[in-house]
Amino acid sequence: MNTIQNRAKFSWKLLILRLCLVMAIAICASGLFWETSPARADINDDRLDGNIFVVYAGNGSLVPPRLTLGESLKRKMPVILVYYLDDNSDCKQFAIVVSRMQEFYGRAASIIPVSVDSLPVKANYSPDELGYYYEGVIPQTVILDETGKMVFNGKGQVKYEAVDDVLRKVFDLVPRAESVQLKRRSFNEFNTELVDN
């Protein structure tokens, strides 16, 4: 009786093994017919590659913003609104400029990237709503001073220097022509400085 049971168990195990082998071959064979393309991000196309600030600017701290527009206005903070889409090449290329704005003004101003897909569709908006300043162009950069007055409305890929000039006026800073040019330290300079101290 034990031999018959052992043979039956062996037959079932062999059958299961054969089924697994057939399934593995079928899965591998079907994979040969699927179109597979490597995952790659391209800054010059209009495909969705993920959050543009993470993928193209290496800055995941911009989205979601620290403060809402309403909170920023209540705190009387200057606000930088950047309207964008994750699947737009112009916005992808502009992401690094937004990251640079945060690098120099992120502690003093409220930087609010706004995906235009997230704006509610309404006939009218109030000044404390994100849709109030959007004019149907991406990227679009709007700067509000500490009183909530619009002092800049740049459409398309505006240069960092244009935004910097406006923010220098908002914060009552020395004009760029009269100040020392700020440069980002390279990683090796930063690393050497840490080691030397």
N, C-alpha and C. Protein backbone atom coordinates (compact mmCIF):
# COMPACT_ATOMS: atom_id res chain seq x y z
N MET A 1 0.81 -1.19 0.00
CA MET A 1 0.00 0.00 0.00
C MET A 1 0.86 1.26 0.00
N ASN A 2 1.94 1.23 0.72
CA ASN A 2 2.82 2.40 0.76
C ASN A 2 3.42 2.69 -0.61
N THR A 3 3.74 1.63 -1.34
CA THR A 3 4.33 1.83 -2.67
C THR A 3 3.32 2.47 -3.60
N ILE A 4 2.07 2.08 -3.52
CA ILE A 4 1.04 2.66 -4.38
C ILE A 4 0.84 4.13 -4.01
N GLN A 5 0.81 4.43 -2.73
CA GLN A 5 0.64 5.83 -2.29
C GLN A 5 1.85 6.68 -2.72
N ASN A 6 3.05 6.10 -2.58
CA ASN A 6 4.25 6.83 -2.98
C ASN A 6 4.25 7.12 -4.48
N ARG A 7 3.82 6.11 -5.27
CA ARG A 7 3.76 6.31 -6.72
C ARG A 7 2.71 7.37 -7.07
N ALA A 8 1.58 7.39 -6.38
CA ALA A 8 0.53 8.38 -6.63
C ALA A 8 1.03 9.78 -6.28
N LYS A 9 1.72 9.92 -5.14
CA LYS A 9 2.28 11.22 -4.75
C LYS A 9 3.32 11.67 -5.77
N PHE A 10 4.16 10.72 -6.22
CA PHE A 10 5.19 11.05 -7.19
C PHE A 10 4.56 11.48 -8.52
N SER A 11 3.47 10.81 -8.90
CA SER A 11 2.78 11.17 -10.15
C SER A 11 2.20 12.57 -10.06
N TRP A 12 1.60 12.91 -8.94
CA TRP A 12 1.04 14.24 -8.77
C TRP A 12 2.13 15.30 -8.78
N LYS A 13 3.22 15.02 -8.12
CA LYS A 13 4.34 15.97 -8.08
C LYS A 13 4.91 16.16 -9.50
N LEU A 14 5.03 15.06 -10.22
CA LEU A 14 5.54 15.13 -11.59
C LEU A 14 4.58 15.92 -12.48
N LEU A 15 3.28 15.70 -12.30
CA LEU A 15 2.27 16.43 -13.07
C LEU A 15 2.33 17.93 -12.77
N ILE A 16 2.44 18.28 -11.50
CA ILE A 16 2.52 19.69 -11.11
C ILE A 16 3.79 20.32 -11.66
N LEU A 17 4.89 19.61 -11.60
CA LEU A 17 6.16 20.10 -12.13
C LEU A 17 6.06 20.33 -13.64
N ARG A 18 5.44 19.41 -14.34
CA ARG A 18 5.26 19.57 -15.78
C ARG A 18 4.37 20.77 -16.10
N LEU A 19 3.29 20.95 -15.36
CA LEU A 19 2.41 22.10 -15.57
C LEU A 19 3.15 23.42 -15.32
N CYS A 20 3.95 23.45 -14.27
CA CYS A 20 4.74 24.66 -13.98
C CYS A 20 5.72 24.94 -15.11
N LEU A 21 6.34 23.92 -15.62
CA LEU A 21 7.30 24.08 -16.71
C LEU A 21 6.60 24.59 -17.97
N VAL A 22 5.44 24.04 -18.29
CA VAL A 22 4.68 24.48 -19.46
C VAL A 22 4.26 25.95 -19.28
N MET A 23 3.80 26.31 -18.08
CA MET A 23 3.39 27.69 -17.83
C MET A 23 4.59 28.64 -17.95
N ALA A 24 5.73 28.25 -17.44
CA ALA A 24 6.93 29.09 -17.52
C ALA A 24 7.33 29.30 -18.98
N ILE A 25 7.27 28.25 -19.77
CA ILE A 25 7.61 28.36 -21.19
C ILE A 25 6.61 29.26 -21.90
N ALA A 26 5.33 29.12 -21.57
CA ALA A 26 4.30 29.96 -22.19
C ALA A 26 4.50 31.44 -21.83
N ILE A 27 4.82 31.71 -20.60
CA ILE A 27 5.04 33.10 -20.17
C ILE A 27 6.26 33.69 -20.88
N CYS A 28 7.33 32.92 -20.93
CA CYS A 28 8.55 33.41 -21.61
C CYS A 28 8.29 33.61 -23.11
N ALA A 29 7.60 32.69 -23.72
CA ALA A 29 7.33 32.79 -25.15
C ALA A 29 6.43 33.98 -25.45
N SER A 30 5.43 34.21 -24.62
CA SER A 30 4.53 35.34 -24.87
C SER A 30 5.27 36.66 -24.66
N GLY A 31 6.26 36.69 -23.79
CA GLY A 31 7.05 37.90 -23.58
C GLY A 31 7.83 38.29 -24.81
N LEU A 32 8.17 37.34 -25.64
CA LEU A 32 8.91 37.64 -26.86
C LEU A 32 8.06 38.41 -27.85
N PHE A 33 6.75 38.27 -27.77
CA PHE A 33 5.86 38.94 -28.71
C PHE A 33 5.36 40.29 -28.21
N TRP A 34 5.53 40.57 -26.94
CA TRP A 34 5.11 41.86 -26.41
C TRP A 34 6.11 42.91 -26.82
N GLU A 35 5.59 44.09 -27.10
CA GLU A 35 6.49 45.20 -27.38
C GLU A 35 6.97 45.74 -26.06
N THR A 36 8.24 45.67 -25.86
CA THR A 36 8.80 46.21 -24.63
C THR A 36 9.77 47.31 -25.01
N SER A 37 9.69 48.40 -24.30
CA SER A 37 10.64 49.48 -24.52
C SER A 37 11.24 49.83 -23.17
N PRO A 38 12.50 50.19 -23.18
CA PRO A 38 13.12 50.54 -21.91
C PRO A 38 12.51 51.82 -21.36
N ALA A 39 12.44 51.91 -20.05
CA ALA A 39 11.92 53.11 -19.43
C ALA A 39 12.98 54.19 -19.55
N ARG A 40 12.60 55.32 -20.11
CA ARG A 40 13.54 56.42 -20.20
C ARG A 40 12.76 57.72 -20.16
N ALA A 41 13.38 58.68 -19.58
CA ALA A 41 12.77 59.99 -19.50
C ALA A 41 13.43 60.86 -20.56
N ASP A 42 12.64 61.65 -21.25
CA ASP A 42 13.17 62.52 -22.29
C ASP A 42 12.62 63.92 -22.09
N ILE A 43 13.51 64.85 -21.90
CA ILE A 43 13.13 66.24 -21.61
C ILE A 43 12.55 66.95 -22.83
N ASN A 44 12.75 66.39 -24.02
CA ASN A 44 12.32 67.06 -25.24
C ASN A 44 11.04 66.51 -25.85
N ASP A 45 10.27 65.73 -25.11
CA ASP A 45 9.01 65.25 -25.66
C ASP A 45 7.87 65.54 -24.68
N ASP A 46 6.67 65.25 -25.13
CA ASP A 46 5.49 65.54 -24.32
C ASP A 46 4.90 64.28 -23.69
N ARG A 47 5.76 63.34 -23.36
CA ARG A 47 5.29 62.13 -22.66
C ARG A 47 5.34 62.34 -21.16
N LEU A 48 4.52 61.61 -20.47
CA LEU A 48 4.51 61.66 -19.02
C LEU A 48 5.61 60.75 -18.50
N ASP A 49 6.59 61.33 -17.83
CA ASP A 49 7.70 60.57 -17.27
C ASP A 49 7.66 60.54 -15.75
N GLY A 50 6.70 61.21 -15.15
CA GLY A 50 6.63 61.33 -13.70
C GLY A 50 6.66 62.80 -13.34
N ASN A 51 6.84 63.09 -12.07
CA ASN A 51 6.87 64.47 -11.60
C ASN A 51 8.10 65.16 -12.17
N ILE A 52 7.90 66.24 -12.90
CA ILE A 52 9.01 66.90 -13.60
C ILE A 52 10.05 67.47 -12.65
N PHE A 53 9.64 67.87 -11.46
CA PHE A 53 10.60 68.45 -10.52
C PHE A 53 11.52 67.38 -9.95
N VAL A 54 11.01 66.18 -9.80
CA VAL A 54 11.84 65.07 -9.33
C VAL A 54 12.72 64.55 -10.47
N VAL A 55 12.12 64.31 -11.63
CA VAL A 55 12.83 63.67 -12.74
C VAL A 55 13.85 64.61 -13.38
N TYR A 56 13.49 65.86 -13.62
CA TYR A 56 14.36 66.75 -14.40
C TYR A 56 15.11 67.78 -13.57
N ALA A 57 14.66 68.07 -12.37
CA ALA A 57 15.36 69.05 -11.53
C ALA A 57 15.97 68.40 -10.30
N GLY A 58 15.67 67.12 -10.09
CA GLY A 58 16.22 66.43 -8.93
C GLY A 58 15.75 67.04 -7.63
N ASN A 59 14.51 67.54 -7.61
CA ASN A 59 14.02 68.27 -6.45
C ASN A 59 12.61 67.80 -6.09
N GLY A 60 12.53 66.86 -5.20
CA GLY A 60 11.23 66.35 -4.79
C GLY A 60 10.57 67.19 -3.72
N SER A 61 11.23 68.26 -3.26
CA SER A 61 10.66 69.05 -2.17
C SER A 61 9.70 70.12 -2.66
N LEU A 62 9.58 70.31 -3.96
CA LEU A 62 8.69 71.35 -4.48
C LEU A 62 7.22 70.93 -4.48
N VAL A 63 6.97 69.65 -4.68
CA VAL A 63 5.59 69.16 -4.77
C VAL A 63 5.39 68.09 -3.72
N PRO A 64 4.43 68.20 -2.86
CA PRO A 64 3.48 69.31 -2.71
C PRO A 64 4.14 70.51 -2.04
N PRO A 65 3.61 71.70 -2.29
CA PRO A 65 4.21 72.90 -1.69
C PRO A 65 4.02 72.91 -0.16
N ARG A 66 4.91 73.63 0.51
CA ARG A 66 4.84 73.73 1.98
C ARG A 66 3.56 74.41 2.43
N LEU A 67 3.20 75.51 1.74
CA LEU A 67 2.03 76.30 2.13
C LEU A 67 1.08 76.45 0.95
N THR A 68 -0.18 76.64 1.26
CA THR A 68 -1.16 76.92 0.22
C THR A 68 -1.09 78.41 -0.11
N LEU A 69 -1.77 78.81 -1.16
CA LEU A 69 -1.82 80.22 -1.52
C LEU A 69 -2.48 81.03 -0.39
N GLY A 70 -3.57 80.52 0.14
CA GLY A 70 -4.27 81.23 1.22
C GLY A 70 -3.39 81.41 2.45
N GLU A 71 -2.66 80.34 2.84
CA GLU A 71 -1.77 80.43 4.00
C GLU A 71 -0.65 81.44 3.76
N SER A 72 -0.12 81.43 2.55
CA SER A 72 0.97 82.35 2.20
C SER A 72 0.49 83.80 2.26
N LEU A 73 -0.69 84.06 1.73
CA LEU A 73 -1.24 85.42 1.76
C LEU A 73 -1.52 85.88 3.18
N LYS A 74 -2.02 84.96 4.03
CA LYS A 74 -2.27 85.30 5.44
C LYS A 74 -0.97 85.65 6.16
N ARG A 75 0.10 84.95 5.81
CA ARG A 75 1.41 85.20 6.44
C ARG A 75 2.13 86.40 5.82
N LYS A 76 1.52 86.99 4.81
CA LYS A 76 2.10 88.13 4.09
C LYS A 76 3.48 87.78 3.52
N MET A 77 3.54 86.60 2.91
CA MET A 77 4.76 86.14 2.25
C MET A 77 4.65 86.37 0.76
N PRO A 78 5.73 86.77 0.10
CA PRO A 78 5.71 86.79 -1.36
C PRO A 78 5.47 85.36 -1.87
N VAL A 79 4.81 85.26 -3.01
CA VAL A 79 4.42 83.96 -3.56
C VAL A 79 4.92 83.85 -5.00
N ILE A 80 5.48 82.69 -5.32
CA ILE A 80 5.86 82.38 -6.69
C ILE A 80 4.97 81.22 -7.13
N LEU A 81 4.05 81.49 -8.04
CA LEU A 81 3.18 80.45 -8.60
C LEU A 81 3.77 80.01 -9.93
N VAL A 82 3.90 78.71 -10.11
CA VAL A 82 4.41 78.17 -11.37
C VAL A 82 3.38 77.17 -11.89
N TYR A 83 2.73 77.51 -12.99
CA TYR A 83 1.74 76.64 -13.61
C TYR A 83 2.44 75.74 -14.61
N TYR A 84 2.15 74.44 -14.53
CA TYR A 84 2.88 73.48 -15.36
C TYR A 84 2.02 72.25 -15.64
N LEU A 85 2.54 71.41 -16.53
CA LEU A 85 2.02 70.07 -16.78
C LEU A 85 3.21 69.11 -16.78
N ASP A 86 3.03 67.93 -16.23
CA ASP A 86 4.10 66.94 -16.17
C ASP A 86 4.43 66.36 -17.54
N ASP A 87 3.51 66.46 -18.50
CA ASP A 87 3.74 65.87 -19.82
C ASP A 87 3.94 66.94 -20.90
N ASN A 88 4.69 67.98 -20.56
CA ASN A 88 4.96 69.07 -21.50
C ASN A 88 6.46 69.35 -21.52
N SER A 89 7.06 69.32 -22.70
CA SER A 89 8.51 69.48 -22.81
C SER A 89 8.98 70.86 -22.33
N ASP A 90 8.21 71.91 -22.58
CA ASP A 90 8.60 73.24 -22.10
C ASP A 90 8.64 73.28 -20.58
N CYS A 91 7.66 72.64 -19.95
CA CYS A 91 7.63 72.60 -18.48
C CYS A 91 8.76 71.74 -17.94
N LYS A 92 9.06 70.64 -18.62
CA LYS A 92 10.18 69.78 -18.20
C LYS A 92 11.47 70.58 -18.20
N GLN A 93 11.70 71.36 -19.25
CA GLN A 93 12.92 72.14 -19.36
C GLN A 93 12.94 73.28 -18.35
N PHE A 94 11.78 73.79 -17.97
CA PHE A 94 11.68 74.90 -17.04
C PHE A 94 11.81 74.45 -15.58
N ALA A 95 11.68 73.17 -15.32
CA ALA A 95 11.72 72.65 -13.95
C ALA A 95 13.00 73.03 -13.22
N ILE A 96 14.12 73.02 -13.91
CA ILE A 96 15.40 73.36 -13.27
C ILE A 96 15.44 74.83 -12.86
N VAL A 97 14.77 75.70 -13.62
CA VAL A 97 14.71 77.13 -13.27
C VAL A 97 13.89 77.30 -11.99
N VAL A 98 12.81 76.55 -11.87
CA VAL A 98 11.97 76.62 -10.66
C VAL A 98 12.77 76.12 -9.46
N SER A 99 13.53 75.07 -9.65
CA SER A 99 14.36 74.55 -8.57
C SER A 99 15.40 75.59 -8.15
N ARG A 100 15.93 76.30 -9.11
CA ARG A 100 16.90 77.36 -8.80
C ARG A 100 16.24 78.50 -8.03
N MET A 101 14.98 78.82 -8.37
CA MET A 101 14.25 79.84 -7.61
C MET A 101 14.15 79.42 -6.14
N GLN A 102 13.86 78.14 -5.94
CA GLN A 102 13.73 77.64 -4.58
C GLN A 102 15.08 77.69 -3.86
N GLU A 103 16.14 77.41 -4.58
CA GLU A 103 17.47 77.41 -3.99
C GLU A 103 17.79 78.77 -3.36
N PHE A 104 17.45 79.85 -4.04
CA PHE A 104 17.80 81.18 -3.55
C PHE A 104 16.69 81.87 -2.76
N TYR A 105 15.42 81.55 -3.05
CA TYR A 105 14.32 82.27 -2.41
C TYR A 105 13.36 81.38 -1.64
N GLY A 106 13.64 80.10 -1.56
CA GLY A 106 12.70 79.15 -0.97
C GLY A 106 12.38 79.36 0.50
N ARG A 107 13.27 79.99 1.24
CA ARG A 107 13.00 80.22 2.67
C ARG A 107 12.20 81.50 2.90
N ALA A 108 12.33 82.45 1.99
CA ALA A 108 11.67 83.74 2.17
C ALA A 108 10.37 83.87 1.41
N ALA A 109 10.22 83.10 0.33
CA ALA A 109 9.01 83.16 -0.49
C ALA A 109 8.33 81.80 -0.49
N SER A 110 7.06 81.81 -0.74
CA SER A 110 6.30 80.58 -0.86
C SER A 110 6.25 80.19 -2.34
N ILE A 111 6.88 79.07 -2.67
CA ILE A 111 6.91 78.61 -4.06
C ILE A 111 5.84 77.54 -4.21
N ILE A 112 4.90 77.79 -5.11
CA ILE A 112 3.76 76.89 -5.28
C ILE A 112 3.66 76.43 -6.73
N PRO A 113 4.21 75.24 -7.05
CA PRO A 113 3.99 74.68 -8.38
C PRO A 113 2.54 74.20 -8.48
N VAL A 114 1.89 74.53 -9.58
CA VAL A 114 0.48 74.20 -9.76
C VAL A 114 0.30 73.42 -11.06
N SER A 115 -0.07 72.15 -10.93
CA SER A 115 -0.40 71.38 -12.13
C SER A 115 -1.75 71.89 -12.63
N VAL A 116 -1.78 72.37 -13.86
CA VAL A 116 -3.03 72.96 -14.36
C VAL A 116 -4.14 71.92 -14.46
N ASP A 117 -3.79 70.64 -14.51
CA ASP A 117 -4.81 69.60 -14.50
C ASP A 117 -5.57 69.56 -13.17
N SER A 118 -4.96 70.09 -12.11
CA SER A 118 -5.59 70.05 -10.80
C SER A 118 -6.49 71.26 -10.53
N LEU A 119 -6.49 72.23 -11.43
CA LEU A 119 -7.33 73.42 -11.21
C LEU A 119 -8.80 73.09 -11.45
N PRO A 120 -9.66 73.46 -10.52
CA PRO A 120 -11.08 73.22 -10.75
C PRO A 120 -11.60 74.14 -11.86
N VAL A 121 -12.52 73.63 -12.64
CA VAL A 121 -13.10 74.43 -13.72
C VAL A 121 -14.25 75.25 -13.14
N LYS A 122 -14.07 76.57 -13.17
CA LYS A 122 -15.07 77.48 -12.63
C LYS A 122 -15.16 78.70 -13.54
N ALA A 123 -16.27 79.40 -13.47
CA ALA A 123 -16.43 80.63 -14.26
C ALA A 123 -15.60 81.76 -13.66
N ASN A 124 -15.55 81.86 -12.35
CA ASN A 124 -14.82 82.93 -11.66
C ASN A 124 -14.06 82.37 -10.47
N TYR A 125 -12.91 82.97 -10.23
CA TYR A 125 -12.08 82.60 -9.08
C TYR A 125 -11.86 83.85 -8.23
N SER A 126 -11.59 83.64 -6.96
CA SER A 126 -11.23 84.75 -6.09
C SER A 126 -9.70 84.84 -6.03
N PRO A 127 -9.15 85.99 -5.62
CA PRO A 127 -7.69 86.16 -5.60
C PRO A 127 -6.93 85.19 -4.70
N ASP A 128 -7.62 84.51 -3.81
CA ASP A 128 -6.91 83.52 -2.97
C ASP A 128 -7.01 82.10 -3.55
N GLU A 129 -7.49 81.99 -4.80
CA GLU A 129 -7.57 80.70 -5.48
C GLU A 129 -6.54 80.64 -6.60
N LEU A 130 -5.97 79.48 -6.79
CA LEU A 130 -4.90 79.30 -7.78
C LEU A 130 -5.36 79.58 -9.22
N GLY A 131 -6.61 79.30 -9.54
CA GLY A 131 -7.12 79.52 -10.89
C GLY A 131 -7.25 80.98 -11.26
N TYR A 132 -7.24 81.87 -10.28
CA TYR A 132 -7.40 83.30 -10.51
C TYR A 132 -6.30 83.88 -11.40
N TYR A 133 -5.07 83.38 -11.25
CA TYR A 133 -3.91 83.95 -11.94
C TYR A 133 -3.54 83.20 -13.22
N TYR A 134 -4.12 82.04 -13.43
CA TYR A 134 -3.76 81.22 -14.59
C TYR A 134 -4.39 81.78 -15.86
N GLU A 135 -3.58 81.91 -16.92
CA GLU A 135 -4.05 82.51 -18.17
C GLU A 135 -4.00 81.54 -19.35
N GLY A 136 -3.97 80.24 -19.09
CA GLY A 136 -4.05 79.26 -20.16
C GLY A 136 -2.74 78.97 -20.86
N VAL A 137 -1.61 79.36 -20.29
CA VAL A 137 -0.30 79.15 -20.88
C VAL A 137 0.55 78.34 -19.91
N ILE A 138 1.35 77.41 -20.45
CA ILE A 138 2.29 76.69 -19.61
C ILE A 138 3.67 76.70 -20.24
N PRO A 139 4.71 76.79 -19.48
CA PRO A 139 4.68 77.20 -18.07
C PRO A 139 4.32 78.68 -17.95
N GLN A 140 3.78 79.02 -16.81
CA GLN A 140 3.46 80.41 -16.50
C GLN A 140 3.95 80.67 -15.08
N THR A 141 4.67 81.77 -14.90
CA THR A 141 5.22 82.12 -13.59
C THR A 141 4.60 83.43 -13.14
N VAL A 142 3.98 83.41 -11.97
CA VAL A 142 3.34 84.59 -11.40
C VAL A 142 3.99 84.87 -10.05
N ILE A 143 4.38 86.12 -9.84
CA ILE A 143 4.94 86.50 -8.55
C ILE A 143 4.01 87.52 -7.91
N LEU A 144 3.64 87.22 -6.66
CA LEU A 144 2.83 88.13 -5.86
C LEU A 144 3.71 88.68 -4.74
N ASP A 145 3.64 89.97 -4.48
CA ASP A 145 4.43 90.52 -3.38
C ASP A 145 3.76 90.20 -2.05
N GLU A 146 4.31 90.70 -0.97
CA GLU A 146 3.79 90.37 0.37
C GLU A 146 2.38 90.89 0.60
N THR A 147 1.92 91.84 -0.21
CA THR A 147 0.55 92.35 -0.08
C THR A 147 -0.44 91.56 -0.93
N GLY A 148 0.07 90.65 -1.76
CA GLY A 148 -0.78 89.86 -2.65
C GLY A 148 -0.94 90.49 -4.03
N LYS A 149 -0.23 91.59 -4.29
CA LYS A 149 -0.30 92.26 -5.58
C LYS A 149 0.59 91.53 -6.58
N MET A 150 0.05 91.31 -7.80
CA MET A 150 0.83 90.65 -8.84
C MET A 150 1.89 91.63 -9.35
N VAL A 151 3.17 91.18 -9.27
CA VAL A 151 4.26 92.04 -9.72
C VAL A 151 5.00 91.44 -10.92
N PHE A 152 4.64 90.21 -11.30
CA PHE A 152 5.28 89.57 -12.45
C PHE A 152 4.34 88.51 -12.99
N ASN A 153 4.25 88.45 -14.32
CA ASN A 153 3.45 87.41 -14.97
C ASN A 153 4.21 86.98 -16.23
N GLY A 154 5.05 85.97 -16.07
CA GLY A 154 5.87 85.49 -17.18
C GLY A 154 5.25 84.28 -17.84
N LYS A 155 5.14 84.34 -19.14
CA LYS A 155 4.53 83.23 -19.88
C LYS A 155 5.61 82.51 -20.67
N GLY A 156 5.58 81.20 -20.64
CA GLY A 156 6.59 80.40 -21.31
C GLY A 156 7.80 80.22 -20.41
N GLN A 157 8.90 79.83 -21.03
CA GLN A 157 10.12 79.60 -20.28
C GLN A 157 10.83 80.93 -20.04
N VAL A 158 10.55 81.55 -18.92
CA VAL A 158 11.21 82.80 -18.59
C VAL A 158 12.59 82.50 -18.01
N LYS A 159 13.50 83.38 -18.20
CA LYS A 159 14.86 83.20 -17.68
C LYS A 159 14.87 83.42 -16.18
N TYR A 160 15.74 82.71 -15.52
CA TYR A 160 15.88 82.87 -14.07
C TYR A 160 16.20 84.33 -13.73
N GLU A 161 17.02 84.98 -14.53
CA GLU A 161 17.42 86.35 -14.26
C GLU A 161 16.23 87.31 -14.25
N ALA A 162 15.24 87.07 -15.10
CA ALA A 162 14.05 87.92 -15.12
C ALA A 162 13.28 87.79 -13.80
N VAL A 163 13.15 86.56 -13.33
CA VAL A 163 12.47 86.32 -12.05
C VAL A 163 13.30 86.88 -10.91
N ASP A 164 14.61 86.68 -10.96
CA ASP A 164 15.51 87.16 -9.93
C ASP A 164 15.44 88.69 -9.79
N ASP A 165 15.39 89.40 -10.92
CA ASP A 165 15.29 90.86 -10.88
C ASP A 165 14.04 91.31 -10.13
N VAL A 166 12.92 90.64 -10.40
CA VAL A 166 11.67 91.00 -9.73
C VAL A 166 11.74 90.66 -8.24
N LEU A 167 12.26 89.49 -7.92
CA LEU A 167 12.34 89.09 -6.51
C LEU A 167 13.32 89.98 -5.73
N ARG A 168 14.35 90.45 -6.38
CA ARG A 168 15.27 91.38 -5.71
C ARG A 168 14.54 92.67 -5.33
N LYS A 169 13.62 93.11 -6.18
CA LYS A 169 12.84 94.31 -5.86
C LYS A 169 11.85 94.01 -4.73
N VAL A 170 11.22 92.84 -4.80
CA VAL A 170 10.24 92.46 -3.76
C VAL A 170 10.91 92.40 -2.39
N PHE A 171 12.12 91.86 -2.34
CA PHE A 171 12.82 91.70 -1.07
C PHE A 171 13.77 92.86 -0.76
N ASP A 172 13.75 93.88 -1.60
CA ASP A 172 14.59 95.06 -1.42
C ASP A 172 16.07 94.67 -1.32
N LEU A 173 16.50 93.87 -2.28
CA LEU A 173 17.89 93.43 -2.36
C LEU A 173 18.65 94.28 -3.37
N VAL A 174 19.95 94.23 -3.29
CA VAL A 174 20.81 94.95 -4.24
C VAL A 174 20.57 94.37 -5.63
N PRO A 175 20.49 95.23 -6.66
CA PRO A 175 20.33 94.71 -8.02
C PRO A 175 21.49 93.78 -8.39
N ARG A 176 21.22 92.87 -9.30
CA ARG A 176 22.22 91.87 -9.69
C ARG A 176 23.50 92.52 -10.20
N ALA A 177 23.38 93.62 -10.92
CA ALA A 177 24.56 94.30 -11.47
C ALA A 177 25.49 94.81 -10.37
N GLU A 178 24.95 95.05 -9.18
CA GLU A 178 25.74 95.58 -8.08
C GLU A 178 26.12 94.53 -7.05
N SER A 179 25.73 93.29 -7.25
CA SER A 179 26.01 92.26 -6.25
C SER A 179 27.00 91.24 -6.79
N VAL A 180 27.53 90.47 -5.88
CA VAL A 180 28.44 89.39 -6.25
C VAL A 180 27.62 88.28 -6.89
N GLN A 181 28.15 87.72 -7.97
CA GLN A 181 27.42 86.65 -8.64
C GLN A 181 27.43 85.41 -7.76
N LEU A 182 26.25 84.89 -7.49
CA LEU A 182 26.14 83.68 -6.68
C LEU A 182 26.35 82.47 -7.56
N LYS A 183 27.18 81.55 -7.07
CA LYS A 183 27.46 80.33 -7.81
C LYS A 183 27.24 79.15 -6.88
N ARG A 184 26.69 78.11 -7.42
CA ARG A 184 26.51 76.88 -6.66
C ARG A 184 27.85 76.17 -6.56
N ARG A 185 28.18 75.71 -5.36
CA ARG A 185 29.42 74.96 -5.19
C ARG A 185 29.28 73.59 -5.80
N SER A 186 30.37 73.11 -6.36
CA SER A 186 30.32 71.74 -6.89
C SER A 186 30.38 70.78 -5.71
N PHE A 187 30.01 69.56 -5.94
CA PHE A 187 30.00 68.56 -4.88
C PHE A 187 31.39 68.39 -4.29
N ASN A 188 32.43 68.37 -5.15
CA ASN A 188 33.79 68.17 -4.66
C ASN A 188 34.25 69.32 -3.78
N GLU A 189 33.88 70.56 -4.12
CA GLU A 189 34.23 71.69 -3.28
C GLU A 189 33.57 71.55 -1.92
N PHE A 190 32.32 71.18 -1.90
CA PHE A 190 31.58 71.00 -0.66
C PHE A 190 32.20 69.87 0.15
N ASN A 191 32.52 68.77 -0.50
CA ASN A 191 33.10 67.63 0.16
C ASN A 191 34.46 67.97 0.75
N THR A 192 35.30 68.70 0.02
CA THR A 192 36.62 69.10 0.51
C THR A 192 36.48 70.00 1.72
N GLU A 193 35.50 70.91 1.66
CA GLU A 193 35.29 71.81 2.78
C GLU A 193 34.91 71.05 4.04
N LEU A 194 34.09 70.02 3.90
CA LEU A 194 33.71 69.20 5.05
C LEU A 194 34.91 68.45 5.62
N VAL A 195 35.78 67.97 4.77
CA VAL A 195 36.93 67.20 5.21
C VAL A 195 37.96 68.10 5.88
N ASP A 196 38.17 69.31 5.34
CA ASP A 196 39.18 70.22 5.88
C ASP A 196 38.83 70.73 7.25
N ASN A 197 37.57 70.88 7.56
CA ASN A 197 37.18 71.47 8.85
C ASN A 197 37.27 70.50 9.96
